[in-house]
Amino acid sequence: MAIQCGYPKAVHVRWYLRYRFNRWERVCEHCRSYPNQQLSFDF
């Protein structure tokens, strides 16, 4: 079952394996903000 990302400019990330702290771990699927999203400041 796929996760639906509801907040603005969100991307769906599938599960993947990563090597961290000298061991493999499985990262579950999740939503995250779009990569390289620029922040704008009004001064």
Protein backbone atom coordinates (compact mmCIF):
# COMPACT_ATOMS: atom_id res chain seq x y z
CA MET A 1 0.00 0.00 0.00
CA ALA A 2 1.49 3.32 -1.08
CA ILE A 3 1.63 6.36 1.16
CA GLN A 4 -0.01 9.55 -0.09
CA CYS A 5 1.95 12.71 0.64
CA GLY A 6 -0.44 15.51 1.43
CA TYR A 7 1.60 18.55 2.37
CA PRO A 8 2.76 21.01 -0.33
CA LYS A 9 5.80 20.10 -2.43
CA ALA A 10 6.22 16.69 -0.83
CA VAL A 11 7.78 13.71 -2.56
CA HIS A 12 7.22 10.03 -1.92
CA VAL A 13 10.32 7.99 -1.09
CA ARG A 14 10.29 4.20 -1.53
CA TRP A 15 11.95 1.92 0.99
CA TYR A 16 15.69 1.43 0.51
CA LEU A 17 18.73 -0.12 2.17
CA ARG A 18 21.49 2.05 3.56
CA TYR A 19 24.76 1.35 5.31
CA ARG A 20 25.17 3.41 8.47
CA PHE A 21 27.15 2.97 11.67
CA ASN A 22 28.86 -0.17 10.32
CA ARG A 23 25.61 -1.99 9.61
CA TRP A 24 22.84 -2.24 7.02
CA GLU A 25 19.43 -0.87 7.84
CA ARG A 26 16.13 -0.83 5.94
CA VAL A 27 14.52 2.59 5.66
CA CYS A 28 10.75 2.35 5.31
CA GLU A 29 8.83 4.36 2.71
CA HIS A 30 8.01 7.89 3.76
CA CYS A 31 7.25 11.43 2.57
CA ARG A 32 9.72 14.26 2.67
CA SER A 33 10.07 17.78 1.36
CA TYR A 34 11.30 18.26 -2.18
CA PRO A 35 15.13 18.15 -2.39
CA ASN A 36 17.01 21.45 -2.84
CA GLN A 37 13.94 23.45 -1.93
CA GLN A 38 14.91 27.10 -1.70
CA LEU A 39 13.83 29.17 1.27
CA SER A 40 12.73 32.72 0.53
CA PHE A 41 13.08 35.54 3.00
CA ASP A 42 11.29 38.86 2.60
CA PHE A 43 13.23 41.66 4.30
